[in-house]
Amino acid sequence: MVSNKVIFYLALIAIIVLIAVPTISKINQTHTERLLKVEVLNMKEKAMACYLKNECKEKVTLKELVEKKYLTRGIDPRTNEYFKDDVYVVIKDHQTSLFIDGVEEK
């Protein structure tokens, strides 16, 4: 027969798992989003610096920034792979927009 202690410990473990799994998942998701924001902001800042020095045009690819030594090749935190070379930044009226796979990143 199962004692009350065993049932208590099983219930306690179940409660901990029910709380820990979603919490860890949310923390990991938030961390990944923040890492991506940092990478995007860094690319935008370096593209703007290149543009202001008249070394780049209004559409700057990641490949150009790496070749001109403004950036090292960044890693996409969502996939843990290098960003593709066709990632680009569009500068219009001193505002920057970064596009990854043709989709604008905020």
PDB file of N, CA and C in Angstrom:
ATOM      1  N   MET A   1       0.843  -1.178   0.000  1.00  0.00           N
ATOM      2  CA  MET A   1       0.000   0.000   0.000  1.00  0.00           C
ATOM      3  C   MET A   1       0.892   1.246   0.000  1.00  0.00           C
ATOM      4  N   VAL A   2       0.451   2.265  -0.697  1.00  0.00           N
ATOM      5  CA  VAL A   2       1.228   3.491  -0.824  1.00  0.00           C
ATOM      6  C   VAL A   2       0.976   4.359   0.403  1.00  0.00           C
ATOM      7  N   SER A   3       2.061   4.799   1.012  1.00  0.00           N
ATOM      8  CA  SER A   3       1.916   5.609   2.220  1.00  0.00           C
ATOM      9  C   SER A   3       1.636   7.064   1.859  1.00  0.00           C
ATOM     10  N   ASN A   4       1.211   7.809   2.842  1.00  0.00           N
ATOM     11  CA  ASN A   4       0.909   9.228   2.646  1.00  0.00           C
ATOM     12  C   ASN A   4       2.157  10.020   2.275  1.00  0.00           C
ATOM     13  N   LYS A   5       3.312   9.612   2.796  1.00  0.00           N
ATOM     14  CA  LYS A   5       4.558  10.315   2.478  1.00  0.00           C
ATOM     15  C   LYS A   5       4.873  10.211   0.987  1.00  0.00           C
ATOM     16  N   VAL A   6       4.712   9.040   0.423  1.00  0.00           N
ATOM     17  CA  VAL A   6       4.997   8.845  -1.002  1.00  0.00           C
ATOM     18  C   VAL A   6       4.054   9.700  -1.840  1.00  0.00           C
ATOM     19  N   ILE A   7       2.790   9.700  -1.505  1.00  0.00           N
ATOM     20  CA  ILE A   7       1.811  10.519  -2.236  1.00  0.00           C
ATOM     21  C   ILE A   7       2.151  11.995  -2.099  1.00  0.00           C
ATOM     22  N   PHE A   8       2.530  12.410  -0.899  1.00  0.00           N
ATOM     23  CA  PHE A   8       2.902  13.809  -0.678  1.00  0.00           C
ATOM     24  C   PHE A   8       4.092  14.200  -1.551  1.00  0.00           C
ATOM     25  N   TYR A   9       5.142  13.373  -1.562  1.00  0.00           N
ATOM     26  CA  TYR A   9       6.335  13.693  -2.346  1.00  0.00           C
ATOM     27  C   TYR A   9       6.050  13.670  -3.851  1.00  0.00           C
ATOM     28  N   LEU A  10       5.245  12.738  -4.304  1.00  0.00           N
ATOM     29  CA  LEU A  10       4.868  12.704  -5.721  1.00  0.00           C
ATOM     30  C   LEU A  10       4.078  13.954  -6.108  1.00  0.00           C
ATOM     31  N   ALA A  11       3.164  14.364  -5.248  1.00  0.00           N
ATOM     32  CA  ALA A  11       2.388  15.580  -5.519  1.00  0.00           C
ATOM     33  C   ALA A  11       3.293  16.807  -5.523  1.00  0.00           C
ATOM     34  N   LEU A  12       4.234  16.852  -4.592  1.00  0.00           N
ATOM     35  CA  LEU A  12       5.172  17.971  -4.525  1.00  0.00           C
ATOM     36  C   LEU A  12       6.033  18.041  -5.790  1.00  0.00           C
ATOM     37  N   ILE A  13       6.530  16.909  -6.240  1.00  0.00           N
ATOM     38  CA  ILE A  13       7.329  16.866  -7.472  1.00  0.00           C
ATOM     39  C   ILE A  13       6.485  17.298  -8.669  1.00  0.00           C
ATOM     40  N   ALA A  14       5.247  16.835  -8.731  1.00  0.00           N
ATOM     41  CA  ALA A  14       4.361  17.209  -9.839  1.00  0.00           C
ATOM     42  C   ALA A  14       4.109  18.712  -9.857  1.00  0.00           C
ATOM     43  N   ILE A  15       3.892  19.304  -8.705  1.00  0.00           N
ATOM     44  CA  ILE A  15       3.657  20.754  -8.622  1.00  0.00           C
ATOM     45  C   ILE A  15       4.897  21.520  -9.057  1.00  0.00           C
ATOM     46  N   ILE A  16       6.052  21.076  -8.598  1.00  0.00           N
ATOM     47  CA  ILE A  16       7.303  21.750  -8.978  1.00  0.00           C
ATOM     48  C   ILE A  16       7.507  21.673 -10.491  1.00  0.00           C
ATOM     49  N   VAL A  17       7.267  20.514 -11.079  1.00  0.00           N
ATOM     50  CA  VAL A  17       7.424  20.358 -12.531  1.00  0.00           C
ATOM     51  C   VAL A  17       6.428  21.239 -13.274  1.00  0.00           C
ATOM     52  N   LEU A  18       5.190  21.292 -12.806  1.00  0.00           N
ATOM     53  CA  LEU A  18       4.168  22.115 -13.466  1.00  0.00           C
ATOM     54  C   LEU A  18       4.505  23.601 -13.420  1.00  0.00           C
ATOM     55  N   ILE A  19       5.203  24.019 -12.410  1.00  0.00           N
ATOM     56  CA  ILE A  19       5.597  25.430 -12.302  1.00  0.00           C
ATOM     57  C   ILE A  19       6.919  25.679 -13.029  1.00  0.00           C
ATOM     58  N   ALA A  20       7.870  24.774 -12.900  1.00  0.00           N
ATOM     59  CA  ALA A  20       9.220  25.004 -13.426  1.00  0.00           C
ATOM     60  C   ALA A  20       9.293  24.971 -14.950  1.00  0.00           C
ATOM     61  N   VAL A  21       8.619  24.032 -15.583  1.00  0.00           N
ATOM     62  CA  VAL A  21       8.740  23.884 -17.038  1.00  0.00           C
ATOM     63  C   VAL A  21       8.266  25.129 -17.785  1.00  0.00           C
ATOM     64  N   PRO A  22       7.060  25.653 -17.534  1.00  0.00           N
ATOM     65  CA  PRO A  22       6.654  26.870 -18.252  1.00  0.00           C
ATOM     66  C   PRO A  22       7.515  28.083 -17.898  1.00  0.00           C
ATOM     67  N   THR A  23       7.952  28.155 -16.650  1.00  0.00           N
ATOM     68  CA  THR A  23       8.784  29.287 -16.230  1.00  0.00           C
ATOM     69  C   THR A  23      10.122  29.273 -16.955  1.00  0.00           C
ATOM     70  N   ILE A  24      10.764  28.143 -17.010  1.00  0.00           N
ATOM     71  CA  ILE A  24      12.048  28.031 -17.705  1.00  0.00           C
ATOM     72  C   ILE A  24      11.876  28.313 -19.191  1.00  0.00           C
ATOM     73  N   SER A  25      10.800  27.827 -19.765  1.00  0.00           N
ATOM     74  CA  SER A  25      10.528  28.083 -21.182  1.00  0.00           C
ATOM     75  C   SER A  25      10.362  29.572 -21.455  1.00  0.00           C
ATOM     76  N   LYS A  26       9.620  30.255 -20.606  1.00  0.00           N
ATOM     77  CA  LYS A  26       9.397  31.696 -20.769  1.00  0.00           C
ATOM     78  C   LYS A  26      10.702  32.472 -20.593  1.00  0.00           C
ATOM     79  N   ILE A  27      11.493  32.097 -19.613  1.00  0.00           N
ATOM     80  CA  ILE A  27      12.778  32.764 -19.384  1.00  0.00           C
ATOM     81  C   ILE A  27      13.683  32.593 -20.607  1.00  0.00           C
ATOM     82  N   ASN A  28      13.735  31.393 -21.160  1.00  0.00           N
ATOM     83  CA  ASN A  28      14.561  31.130 -22.335  1.00  0.00           C
ATOM     84  C   ASN A  28      14.076  31.939 -23.539  1.00  0.00           C
ATOM     85  N   GLN A  29      12.773  32.011 -23.733  1.00  0.00           N
ATOM     86  CA  GLN A  29      12.204  32.778 -24.846  1.00  0.00           C
ATOM     87  C   GLN A  29      12.524  34.265 -24.703  1.00  0.00           C
ATOM     88  N   THR A  30      12.356  34.807 -23.513  1.00  0.00           N
ATOM     89  CA  THR A  30      12.653  36.219 -23.263  1.00  0.00           C
ATOM     90  C   THR A  30      14.131  36.503 -23.490  1.00  0.00           C
ATOM     91  N   HIS A  31      14.985  35.608 -23.039  1.00  0.00           N
ATOM     92  CA  HIS A  31      16.428  35.776 -23.218  1.00  0.00           C
ATOM     93  C   HIS A  31      16.789  35.800 -24.708  1.00  0.00           C
ATOM     94  N   THR A  32      16.213  34.897 -25.481  1.00  0.00           N
ATOM     95  CA  THR A  32      16.475  34.841 -26.919  1.00  0.00           C
ATOM     96  C   THR A  32      16.008  36.114 -27.607  1.00  0.00           C
ATOM     97  N   GLU A  33      14.832  36.618 -27.231  1.00  0.00           N
ATOM     98  CA  GLU A  33      14.318  37.859 -27.817  1.00  0.00           C
ATOM     99  C   GLU A  33      15.241  39.032 -27.508  1.00  0.00           C
ATOM    100  N   ARG A  34      15.738  39.086 -26.297  1.00  0.00           N
ATOM    101  CA  ARG A  34      16.641  40.179 -25.917  1.00  0.00           C
ATOM    102  C   ARG A  34      17.973  40.081 -26.656  1.00  0.00           C
ATOM    103  N   LEU A  35      18.485  38.880 -26.817  1.00  0.00           N
ATOM    104  CA  LEU A  35      19.723  38.706 -27.584  1.00  0.00           C
ATOM    105  C   LEU A  35      19.536  39.172 -29.024  1.00  0.00           C
ATOM    106  N   LEU A  36      18.383  38.842 -29.608  1.00  0.00           N
ATOM    107  CA  LEU A  36      18.106  39.269 -30.976  1.00  0.00           C
ATOM    108  C   LEU A  36      18.010  40.788 -31.058  1.00  0.00           C
ATOM    109  N   LYS A  37      17.370  41.417 -30.077  1.00  0.00           N
ATOM    110  CA  LYS A  37      17.274  42.881 -30.063  1.00  0.00           C
ATOM    111  C   LYS A  37      18.655  43.520 -30.021  1.00  0.00           C
ATOM    112  N   VAL A  38      19.553  42.947 -29.231  1.00  0.00           N
ATOM    113  CA  VAL A  38      20.912  43.480 -29.135  1.00  0.00           C
ATOM    114  C   VAL A  38      21.624  43.346 -30.479  1.00  0.00           C
ATOM    115  N   GLU A  39      21.517  42.189 -31.121  1.00  0.00           N
ATOM    116  CA  GLU A  39      22.151  41.980 -32.429  1.00  0.00           C
ATOM    117  C   GLU A  39      21.589  42.948 -33.470  1.00  0.00           C
ATOM    118  N   VAL A  40      20.261  43.105 -33.479  1.00  0.00           N
ATOM    119  CA  VAL A  40      19.610  44.001 -34.444  1.00  0.00           C
ATOM    120  C   VAL A  40      20.055  45.435 -34.212  1.00  0.00           C
ATOM    121  N   LEU A  41      20.059  45.872 -32.971  1.00  0.00           N
ATOM    122  CA  LEU A  41      20.471  47.241 -32.656  1.00  0.00           C
ATOM    123  C   LEU A  41      21.928  47.477 -33.049  1.00  0.00           C
ATOM    124  N   ASN A  42      22.786  46.512 -32.788  1.00  0.00           N
ATOM    125  CA  ASN A  42      24.194  46.637 -33.153  1.00  0.00           C
ATOM    126  C   ASN A  42      24.357  46.781 -34.669  1.00  0.00           C
ATOM    127  N   MET A  43      23.638  45.955 -35.429  1.00  0.00           N
ATOM    128  CA  MET A  43      23.718  46.043 -36.888  1.00  0.00           C
ATOM    129  C   MET A  43      23.216  47.391 -37.391  1.00  0.00           C
ATOM    130  N   LYS A  44      22.118  47.874 -36.803  1.00  0.00           N
ATOM    131  CA  LYS A  44      21.567  49.169 -37.214  1.00  0.00           C
ATOM    132  C   LYS A  44      22.547  50.302 -36.912  1.00  0.00           C
ATOM    133  N   GLU A  45      23.151  50.270 -35.734  1.00  0.00           N
ATOM    134  CA  GLU A  45      24.103  51.322 -35.353  1.00  0.00           C
ATOM    135  C   GLU A  45      25.321  51.323 -36.268  1.00  0.00           C
ATOM    136  N   LYS A  46      25.852  50.147 -36.568  1.00  0.00           N
ATOM    137  CA  LYS A  46      27.029  50.065 -37.433  1.00  0.00           C
ATOM    138  C   LYS A  46      26.686  50.478 -38.861  1.00  0.00           C
ATOM    139  N   ALA A  47      25.489  50.132 -39.327  1.00  0.00           N
ATOM    140  CA  ALA A  47      25.070  50.549 -40.665  1.00  0.00           C
ATOM    141  C   ALA A  47      24.933  52.065 -40.728  1.00  0.00           C
ATOM    142  N   MET A  48      24.394  52.663 -39.684  1.00  0.00           N
ATOM    143  CA  MET A  48      24.252  54.123 -39.647  1.00  0.00           C
ATOM    144  C   MET A  48      25.626  54.785 -39.618  1.00  0.00           C
ATOM    145  N   ALA A  49      26.555  54.232 -38.858  1.00  0.00           N
ATOM    146  CA  ALA A  49      27.908  54.791 -38.810  1.00  0.00           C
ATOM    147  C   ALA A  49      28.565  54.720 -40.185  1.00  0.00           C
ATOM    148  N   CYS A  50      28.405  53.611 -40.867  1.00  0.00           N
ATOM    149  CA  CYS A  50      28.958  53.443 -42.211  1.00  0.00           C
ATOM    150  C   CYS A  50      28.315  54.440 -43.176  1.00  0.00           C
ATOM    151  N   TYR A  51      27.015  54.619 -43.062  1.00  0.00           N
ATOM    152  CA  TYR A  51      26.274  55.551 -43.921  1.00  0.00           C
ATOM    153  C   TYR A  51      26.715  56.992 -43.670  1.00  0.00           C
ATOM    154  N   LEU A  52      26.873  57.362 -42.415  1.00  0.00           N
ATOM    155  CA  LEU A  52      27.260  58.734 -42.086  1.00  0.00           C
ATOM    156  C   LEU A  52      28.687  59.054 -42.530  1.00  0.00           C
ATOM    157  N   LYS A  53      29.532  58.044 -42.645  1.00  0.00           N
ATOM    158  CA  LYS A  53      30.896  58.254 -43.145  1.00  0.00           C
ATOM    159  C   LYS A  53      30.949  58.176 -44.672  1.00  0.00           C
ATOM    160  N   ASN A  54      29.775  58.071 -45.305  1.00  0.00           N
ATOM    161  CA  ASN A  54      29.645  57.971 -46.765  1.00  0.00           C
ATOM    162  C   ASN A  54      30.401  56.775 -47.348  1.00  0.00           C
ATOM    163  N   GLU A  55      30.505  55.713 -46.572  1.00  0.00           N
ATOM    164  CA  GLU A  55      31.134  54.489 -47.056  1.00  0.00           C
ATOM    165  C   GLU A  55      30.094  53.474 -47.519  1.00  0.00           C
ATOM    166  N   CYS A  56      28.836  53.704 -47.152  1.00  0.00           N
ATOM    167  CA  CYS A  56      27.758  52.789 -47.507  1.00  0.00           C
ATOM    168  C   CYS A  56      26.590  53.578 -48.086  1.00  0.00           C
ATOM    169  N   LYS A  57      25.759  52.867 -48.836  1.00  0.00           N
ATOM    170  CA  LYS A  57      24.569  53.496 -49.410  1.00  0.00           C
ATOM    171  C   LYS A  57      23.396  53.300 -48.459  1.00  0.00           C
ATOM    172  N   GLU A  58      22.185  53.647 -48.942  1.00  0.00           N
ATOM    173  CA  GLU A  58      21.003  53.558 -48.081  1.00  0.00           C
ATOM    174  C   GLU A  58      20.587  52.130 -47.767  1.00  0.00           C
ATOM    175  N   LYS A  59      21.002  51.191 -48.594  1.00  0.00           N
ATOM    176  CA  LYS A  59      20.730  49.780 -48.321  1.00  0.00           C
ATOM    177  C   LYS A  59      22.076  49.099 -48.086  1.00  0.00           C
ATOM    178  N   VAL A  60      22.298  48.681 -46.859  1.00  0.00           N
ATOM    179  CA  VAL A  60      23.586  48.121 -46.457  1.00  0.00           C
ATOM    180  C   VAL A  60      23.379  46.660 -46.070  1.00  0.00           C
ATOM    181  N   THR A  61      24.122  45.770 -46.699  1.00  0.00           N
ATOM    182  CA  THR A  61      24.013  44.355 -46.345  1.00  0.00           C
ATOM    183  C   THR A  61      24.995  44.015 -45.229  1.00  0.00           C
ATOM    184  N   LEU A  62      24.710  42.945 -44.561  1.00  0.00           N
ATOM    185  CA  LEU A  62      25.603  42.464 -43.507  1.00  0.00           C
ATOM    186  C   LEU A  62      26.980  42.142 -44.089  1.00  0.00           C
ATOM    187  N   LYS A  63      26.988  41.607 -45.290  1.00  0.00           N
ATOM    188  CA  LYS A  63      28.254  41.272 -45.945  1.00  0.00           C
ATOM    189  C   LYS A  63      29.125  42.517 -46.120  1.00  0.00           C
ATOM    190  N   GLU A  64      28.509  43.643 -46.522  1.00  0.00           N
ATOM    191  CA  GLU A  64      29.261  44.894 -46.677  1.00  0.00           C
ATOM    192  C   GLU A  64      29.855  45.345 -45.344  1.00  0.00           C
ATOM    193  N   LEU A  65      29.048  45.273 -44.294  1.00  0.00           N
ATOM    194  CA  LEU A  65      29.520  45.715 -42.979  1.00  0.00           C
ATOM    195  C   LEU A  65      30.681  44.855 -42.483  1.00  0.00           C
ATOM    196  N   VAL A  66      30.627  43.577 -42.769  1.00  0.00           N
ATOM    197  CA  VAL A  66      31.716  42.682 -42.364  1.00  0.00           C
ATOM    198  C   VAL A  66      32.965  42.974 -43.190  1.00  0.00           C
ATOM    199  N   GLU A  67      32.788  43.163 -44.499  1.00  0.00           N
ATOM    200  CA  GLU A  67      33.936  43.446 -45.371  1.00  0.00           C
ATOM    201  C   GLU A  67      34.614  44.762 -45.004  1.00  0.00           C
ATOM    202  N   LYS A  68      33.824  45.745 -44.573  1.00  0.00           N
ATOM    203  CA  LYS A  68      34.380  47.056 -44.217  1.00  0.00           C
ATOM    204  C   LYS A  68      34.790  47.121 -42.749  1.00  0.00           C
ATOM    205  N   LYS A  69      34.774  45.968 -42.088  1.00  0.00           N
ATOM    206  CA  LYS A  69      35.242  45.822 -40.700  1.00  0.00           C
ATOM    207  C   LYS A  69      34.405  46.606 -39.683  1.00  0.00           C
ATOM    208  N   TYR A  70      33.135  46.847 -40.000  1.00  0.00           N
ATOM    209  CA  TYR A  70      32.249  47.472 -39.020  1.00  0.00           C
ATOM    210  C   TYR A  70      31.700  46.426 -38.052  1.00  0.00           C
ATOM    211  N   LEU A  71      31.553  45.206 -38.519  1.00  0.00           N
ATOM    212  CA  LEU A  71      30.992  44.122 -37.711  1.00  0.00           C
ATOM    213  C   LEU A  71      31.784  42.843 -37.936  1.00  0.00           C
ATOM    214  N   THR A  72      31.678  41.955 -36.967  1.00  0.00           N
ATOM    215  CA  THR A  72      32.054  40.572 -37.222  1.00  0.00           C
ATOM    216  C   THR A  72      30.746  39.869 -37.547  1.00  0.00           C
ATOM    217  N   ARG A  73      30.825  38.722 -38.088  1.00  0.00           N
ATOM    218  CA  ARG A  73      29.610  38.031 -38.512  1.00  0.00           C
ATOM    219  C   ARG A  73      28.815  37.602 -37.277  1.00  0.00           C
ATOM    220  N   GLY A  74      27.606  38.126 -37.131  1.00  0.00           N
ATOM    221  CA  GLY A  74      26.782  37.858 -35.954  1.00  0.00           C
ATOM    222  C   GLY A  74      26.082  36.517 -36.008  1.00  0.00           C
ATOM    223  N   ILE A  75      25.690  36.042 -34.848  1.00  0.00           N
ATOM    224  CA  ILE A  75      24.979  34.773 -34.738  1.00  0.00           C
ATOM    225  C   ILE A  75      23.530  35.054 -34.365  1.00  0.00           C
ATOM    226  N   ASP A  76      22.625  34.454 -35.124  1.00  0.00           N
ATOM    227  CA  ASP A  76      21.196  34.595 -34.864  1.00  0.00           C
ATOM    228  C   ASP A  76      20.854  33.750 -33.637  1.00  0.00           C
ATOM    229  N   PRO A  77      20.410  34.377 -32.541  1.00  0.00           N
ATOM    230  CA  PRO A  77      20.145  33.604 -31.321  1.00  0.00           C
ATOM    231  C   PRO A  77      18.968  32.634 -31.456  1.00  0.00           C
ATOM    232  N   ARG A  78      18.121  32.849 -32.447  1.00  0.00           N
ATOM    233  CA  ARG A  78      16.979  31.947 -32.629  1.00  0.00           C
ATOM    234  C   ARG A  78      17.405  30.616 -33.222  1.00  0.00           C
ATOM    235  N   THR A  79      18.424  30.637 -34.091  1.00  0.00           N
ATOM    236  CA  THR A  79      18.847  29.418 -34.779  1.00  0.00           C
ATOM    237  C   THR A  79      20.242  28.961 -34.380  1.00  0.00           C
ATOM    238  N   ASN A  80      20.978  29.803 -33.663  1.00  0.00           N
ATOM    239  CA  ASN A  80      22.372  29.533 -33.278  1.00  0.00           C
ATOM    240  C   ASN A  80      23.263  29.309 -34.496  1.00  0.00           C
ATOM    241  N   GLU A  81      22.926  29.964 -35.596  1.00  0.00           N
ATOM    242  CA  GLU A  81      23.733  29.937 -36.808  1.00  0.00           C
ATOM    243  C   GLU A  81      24.072  31.369 -37.178  1.00  0.00           C
ATOM    244  N   TYR A  82      25.075  31.521 -38.041  1.00  0.00           N
ATOM    245  CA  TYR A  82      25.424  32.861 -38.499  1.00  0.00           C
ATOM    246  C   TYR A  82      24.256  33.467 -39.271  1.00  0.00           C
ATOM    247  N   PHE A  83      24.122  34.800 -39.149  1.00  0.00           N
ATOM    248  CA  PHE A  83      23.147  35.483 -39.985  1.00  0.00           C
ATOM    249  C   PHE A  83      23.564  35.297 -41.437  1.00  0.00           C
ATOM    250  N   LYS A  84      22.601  35.215 -42.327  1.00  0.00           N
ATOM    251  CA  LYS A  84      22.905  35.100 -43.753  1.00  0.00           C
ATOM    252  C   LYS A  84      23.465  36.426 -44.250  1.00  0.00           C
ATOM    253  N   ASP A  85      24.249  36.361 -45.316  1.00  0.00           N
ATOM    254  CA  ASP A  85      24.858  37.570 -45.866  1.00  0.00           C
ATOM    255  C   ASP A  85      23.838  38.519 -46.487  1.00  0.00           C
ATOM    256  N   ASP A  86      22.638  38.018 -46.807  1.00  0.00           N
ATOM    257  CA  ASP A  86      21.646  38.883 -47.441  1.00  0.00           C
ATOM    258  C   ASP A  86      20.803  39.673 -46.436  1.00  0.00           C
ATOM    259  N   VAL A  87      21.140  39.597 -45.158  1.00  0.00           N
ATOM    260  CA  VAL A  87      20.501  40.461 -44.160  1.00  0.00           C
ATOM    261  C   VAL A  87      20.923  41.887 -44.480  1.00  0.00           C
ATOM    262  N   TYR A  88      19.970  42.803 -44.476  1.00  0.00           N
ATOM    263  CA  TYR A  88      20.322  44.169 -44.845  1.00  0.00           C
ATOM    264  C   TYR A  88      19.607  45.195 -43.984  1.00  0.00           C
ATOM    265  N   VAL A  89      20.187  46.397 -43.966  1.00  0.00           N
ATOM    266  CA  VAL A  89      19.629  47.530 -43.233  1.00  0.00           C
ATOM    267  C   VAL A  89      19.291  48.603 -44.259  1.00  0.00           C
ATOM    268  N   VAL A  90      18.089  49.154 -44.151  1.00  0.00           N
ATOM    269  CA  VAL A  90      17.674  50.259 -45.014  1.00  0.00           C
ATOM    270  C   VAL A  90      17.676  51.520 -44.165  1.00  0.00           C
ATOM    271  N   ILE A  91      18.338  52.556 -44.669  1.00  0.00           N
ATOM    272  CA  ILE A  91      18.403  53.833 -43.956  1.00  0.00           C
ATOM    273  C   ILE A  91      17.611  54.851 -44.761  1.00  0.00           C
ATOM    274  N   LYS A  92      16.602  55.431 -44.113  1.00  0.00           N
ATOM    275  CA  LYS A  92      15.755  56.419 -44.778  1.00  0.00           C
ATOM    276  C   LYS A  92      15.467  57.524 -43.779  1.00  0.00           C
ATOM    277  N   ASP A  93      15.820  58.743 -44.124  1.00  0.00           N
ATOM    278  CA  ASP A  93      15.616  59.901 -43.245  1.00  0.00           C
ATOM    279  C   ASP A  93      16.256  59.678 -41.871  1.00  0.00           C
ATOM    280  N   HIS A  94      17.444  59.113 -41.863  1.00  0.00           N
ATOM    281  CA  HIS A  94      18.210  58.814 -40.644  1.00  0.00           C
ATOM    282  C   HIS A  94      17.463  57.870 -39.698  1.00  0.00           C
ATOM    283  N   GLN A  95      16.574  57.063 -40.249  1.00  0.00           N
ATOM    284  CA  GLN A  95      15.900  55.997 -39.511  1.00  0.00           C
ATOM    285  C   GLN A  95      16.344  54.676 -40.123  1.00  0.00           C
ATOM    286  N   THR A  96      16.601  53.691 -39.304  1.00  0.00           N
ATOM    287  CA  THR A  96      17.081  52.406 -39.807  1.00  0.00           C
ATOM    288  C   THR A  96      16.026  51.326 -39.645  1.00  0.00           C
ATOM    289  N   SER A  97      16.001  50.413 -40.610  1.00  0.00           N
ATOM    290  CA  SER A  97      15.138  49.238 -40.558  1.00  0.00           C
ATOM    291  C   SER A  97      15.976  48.043 -40.969  1.00  0.00           C
ATOM    292  N   LEU A  98      15.966  46.998 -40.173  1.00  0.00           N
ATOM    293  CA  LEU A  98      16.742  45.796 -40.470  1.00  0.00           C
ATOM    294  C   LEU A  98      15.806  44.729 -41.010  1.00  0.00           C
ATOM    295  N   PHE A  99      16.235  44.069 -42.087  1.00  0.00           N
ATOM    296  CA  PHE A  99      15.434  43.026 -42.707  1.00  0.00           C
ATOM    297  C   PHE A  99      16.205  41.712 -42.689  1.00  0.00           C
ATOM    298  N   ILE A 100      15.578  40.689 -42.116  1.00  0.00           N
ATOM    299  CA  ILE A 100      16.135  39.339 -42.093  1.00  0.00           C
ATOM    300  C   ILE A 100      15.184  38.466 -42.887  1.00  0.00           C
ATOM    301  N   ASP A 101      15.693  37.839 -43.937  1.00  0.00           N
ATOM    302  CA  ASP A 101      14.872  37.030 -44.850  1.00  0.00           C
ATOM    303  C   ASP A 101      13.700  37.833 -45.398  1.00  0.00           C
ATOM    304  N   GLY A 102      13.920  39.110 -45.652  1.00  0.00           N
ATOM    305  CA  GLY A 102      12.893  39.965 -46.235  1.00  0.00           C
ATOM    306  C   GLY A 102      11.851  40.462 -45.250  1.00  0.00           C
ATOM    307  N   VAL A 103      11.974  40.099 -43.985  1.00  0.00           N
ATOM    308  CA  VAL A 103      11.005  40.502 -42.961  1.00  0.00           C
ATOM    309  C   VAL A 103      11.675  41.504 -42.031  1.00  0.00           C
ATOM    310  N   GLU A 104      10.994  42.622 -41.789  1.00  0.00           N
ATOM    311  CA  GLU A 104      11.569  43.660 -40.934  1.00  0.00           C
ATOM    312  C   GLU A 104      11.577  43.220 -39.477  1.00  0.00           C
ATOM    313  N   GLU A 105      12.718  43.422 -38.831  1.00  0.00           N
ATOM    314  CA  GLU A 105      12.855  43.148 -37.399  1.00  0.00           C
ATOM    315  C   GLU A 105      12.687  44.449 -36.644  1.00  0.00           C
ATOM    316  N   LYS A 106      11.919  44.431 -35.614  1.00  0.00           N
ATOM    317  CA  LYS A 106      11.661  45.643 -34.813  1.00  0.00           C
ATOM    318  C   LYS A 106      12.705  45.811 -33.751  1.00  0.00           C
TER     319      LYS A 106
END
